[in-house]
């Protein structure tokens, strides 16, 4: 059981697909209008952001095995740790997976940053070429608009990646 918070976005959409391809039951956070999109990516359940933790607890009262949080840091991240079973794993892109928070709950975790290497990119390329992994594109913008594209990505809901063309 894998929970992906921020599932519709560029990284989340890949996380949903990769977890589902490994056979995981994926619970994705996302707005109601993204339910079909997320299920097409491989999510088993789609849960709205409003009341997210409580909804996940109702669906999976025994907890989940993995939490991938691509949205929250600090207190909001810490509150979601109660969703994870003892012995589970958590992942944060906001450096929130602090051992001081995780160890008392018998959890392990990682703070993941973008550090692509050739082998990883080759493997992802093979998955895309085989049709196992889709890279959803929300929009394509010219290089002159890169500052606006970054500002938009920080302030609004996204579905997939934004491509900058040169």
Protein backbone atom coordinates (compact mmCIF):
# COMPACT_ATOMS: atom_id res chain seq x y z
CA UNK A 1 0.00 0.00 0.00
CA UNK A 2 1.57 3.27 -1.19
CA UNK A 3 0.19 6.78 -0.59
CA UNK A 4 1.30 9.51 -2.99
CA UNK A 5 0.59 13.07 -1.83
CA UNK A 6 0.81 15.43 -4.80
CA UNK A 7 -0.04 12.65 -7.24
CA UNK A 8 -1.27 14.74 -10.20
CA UNK A 9 1.94 16.78 -10.54
CA UNK A 10 4.97 16.04 -12.66
CA UNK A 11 6.80 13.91 -10.08
CA UNK A 12 3.66 12.48 -8.50
CA UNK A 13 2.32 11.23 -11.82
CA UNK A 14 5.54 9.25 -12.30
CA UNK A 15 5.50 7.95 -8.71
CA UNK A 16 1.94 6.64 -9.14
CA UNK A 17 2.87 4.80 -12.32
CA UNK A 18 6.10 3.32 -10.98
CA UNK A 19 4.44 2.08 -7.78
CA UNK A 20 1.50 0.60 -9.69
CA UNK A 21 3.87 -1.10 -12.15
CA UNK A 22 5.50 -2.84 -9.18
CA UNK A 23 2.09 -4.14 -8.12
CA UNK A 24 1.39 -1.68 -5.32
CA UNK A 25 -2.10 -0.60 -4.31
CA UNK A 26 -1.74 3.17 -4.79
CA UNK A 27 -3.75 5.79 -2.90
CA UNK A 28 -3.36 9.12 -4.68
CA UNK A 29 -4.20 12.56 -3.32
CA UNK A 30 -5.84 14.82 -5.82
CA UNK A 31 -8.86 16.92 -6.63
CA UNK A 32 -12.06 15.25 -7.81
CA UNK A 33 -11.49 16.46 -11.38
CA UNK A 34 -8.25 14.43 -11.52
CA UNK A 35 -9.79 11.10 -10.45
CA UNK A 36 -9.99 9.61 -13.97
CA UNK A 37 -6.52 10.91 -14.82
CA UNK A 38 -4.97 9.39 -11.68
CA UNK A 39 -6.76 6.05 -12.09
CA UNK A 40 -5.53 5.92 -15.70
CA UNK A 41 -2.00 6.32 -14.30
CA UNK A 42 -2.55 3.33 -11.99
CA UNK A 43 -4.01 4.72 -8.76
CA UNK A 44 -6.41 2.34 -7.05
CA UNK A 45 -7.99 5.02 -4.87
CA UNK A 46 -8.11 8.79 -5.28
CA UNK A 47 -8.67 10.83 -2.13
CA UNK A 48 -9.40 14.57 -2.02
CA UNK A 49 -6.92 16.83 -0.26
CA UNK A 50 -9.61 18.13 2.08
CA UNK A 51 -9.81 15.63 4.95
CA UNK A 52 -7.09 13.53 3.31
CA UNK A 53 -5.65 11.83 6.40
CA UNK A 54 -9.05 10.88 7.78
CA UNK A 55 -10.18 9.50 4.41
CA UNK A 56 -7.04 7.37 4.11
CA UNK A 57 -7.56 6.06 7.66
CA UNK A 58 -11.12 5.04 6.76
CA UNK A 59 -9.92 3.23 3.64
CA UNK A 60 -6.93 1.60 5.34
CA UNK A 61 -7.43 1.52 9.12
CA UNK A 62 -4.38 -0.72 9.60
CA UNK A 63 -2.15 1.85 7.93
CA UNK A 64 -0.11 2.00 4.74
CA UNK A 65 3.36 0.70 3.96
CA UNK A 66 4.79 3.73 2.18
CA UNK A 67 4.11 7.48 2.21
CA UNK A 68 5.53 9.55 -0.65
CA UNK A 69 4.84 13.20 0.17
CA UNK A 70 5.66 15.62 -2.62
CA UNK A 71 3.79 18.56 -1.10
CA UNK A 72 4.20 18.93 2.63
CA UNK A 73 7.00 19.79 4.97
CA UNK A 74 7.08 20.50 8.70
CA UNK A 75 3.96 19.92 10.76
CA UNK A 76 1.75 18.92 7.82
CA UNK A 77 4.21 16.15 6.92
CA UNK A 78 4.51 15.02 10.53
CA UNK A 79 0.73 14.70 10.83
CA UNK A 80 0.67 12.23 7.92
CA UNK A 81 3.20 9.91 9.58
CA UNK A 82 0.41 8.35 11.64
CA UNK A 83 -0.95 6.86 8.40
CA UNK A 84 2.14 4.66 8.05
CA UNK A 85 2.39 1.23 9.70
CA UNK A 86 5.31 0.59 12.05
CA UNK A 87 8.17 -0.66 9.92
CA UNK A 88 6.96 1.46 6.99
CA UNK A 89 8.87 3.90 4.83
CA UNK A 90 8.36 7.60 4.12
CA UNK A 91 9.77 9.83 1.41
CA UNK A 92 9.88 13.64 1.33
CA UNK A 93 11.11 16.13 -1.24
CA UNK A 94 11.04 18.90 1.38
CA UNK A 95 13.67 17.45 3.74
CA UNK A 96 10.93 16.57 6.22
CA UNK A 97 11.89 12.91 6.76
CA UNK A 98 13.73 13.63 10.00
CA UNK A 99 15.02 10.55 11.86
CA UNK A 100 13.92 12.21 15.14
CA UNK A 101 10.32 12.04 13.87
CA UNK A 102 10.60 8.63 12.24
CA UNK A 103 12.51 6.47 14.71
CA UNK A 104 9.98 6.71 17.59
CA UNK A 105 7.33 5.45 15.16
CA UNK A 106 9.58 2.64 13.89
CA UNK A 107 9.68 4.19 10.42
CA UNK A 108 12.52 4.66 7.97
CA UNK A 109 12.68 7.41 5.42
CA UNK A 110 14.50 9.37 2.82
CA UNK A 111 14.72 12.97 1.75
CA UNK A 112 14.89 12.77 -2.01
CA UNK A 113 16.30 15.46 -4.23
CA UNK A 114 16.78 15.45 -7.98
CA UNK A 115 20.09 13.69 -8.55
CA UNK A 116 19.65 11.92 -11.88
CA UNK A 117 22.37 9.65 -13.08
CA UNK A 118 22.87 8.02 -16.44
CA UNK A 119 21.74 4.54 -15.34
CA UNK A 120 18.52 5.87 -13.82
CA UNK A 121 17.74 8.02 -16.85
CA UNK A 122 18.46 5.06 -19.15
CA UNK A 123 16.06 2.87 -17.16
CA UNK A 124 13.34 5.54 -17.21
CA UNK A 125 13.89 5.96 -20.95
CA UNK A 126 13.44 2.20 -21.47
CA UNK A 127 10.19 2.29 -19.47
CA UNK A 128 8.91 5.21 -21.56
CA UNK A 129 9.93 3.50 -24.82
CA UNK A 130 8.20 0.29 -23.72
CA UNK A 131 5.02 2.21 -22.89
CA UNK A 132 5.22 1.22 -19.22
CA UNK A 133 5.76 4.83 -18.13
CA UNK A 134 4.01 7.90 -19.54
CA UNK A 135 5.31 11.41 -19.03
CA UNK A 136 2.17 13.56 -18.96
CA UNK A 137 2.75 17.03 -20.41
CA UNK A 138 0.58 19.83 -19.05
CA UNK A 139 1.94 22.53 -21.32
CA UNK A 140 4.84 23.57 -23.53
CA UNK A 141 6.26 27.07 -23.18
CA UNK A 142 9.05 28.92 -24.96
CA UNK A 143 12.37 29.51 -23.19
CA UNK A 144 11.50 33.22 -22.87
CA UNK A 145 8.61 32.21 -20.55
CA UNK A 146 10.66 30.07 -18.17
CA UNK A 147 10.38 32.51 -15.24
CA UNK A 148 6.58 32.63 -15.62
CA UNK A 149 6.40 28.83 -15.97
CA UNK A 150 8.31 28.38 -12.71
CA UNK A 151 6.12 30.91 -10.91
CA UNK A 152 2.98 29.17 -12.16
CA UNK A 153 4.26 25.75 -11.07
CA UNK A 154 4.82 27.06 -7.54
CA UNK A 155 1.38 28.60 -7.15
CA UNK A 156 -1.16 26.44 -8.96
CA UNK A 157 -2.28 22.86 -9.33
CA UNK A 158 -0.47 21.07 -12.12
CA UNK A 159 -1.15 17.87 -13.98
CA UNK A 160 2.07 16.45 -15.34
CA UNK A 161 5.15 18.27 -16.57
CA UNK A 162 5.75 21.66 -18.12
CA UNK A 163 8.11 21.49 -21.08
CA UNK A 164 10.34 24.42 -22.00
CA UNK A 165 11.07 24.54 -25.74
CA UNK A 166 14.17 26.12 -27.20
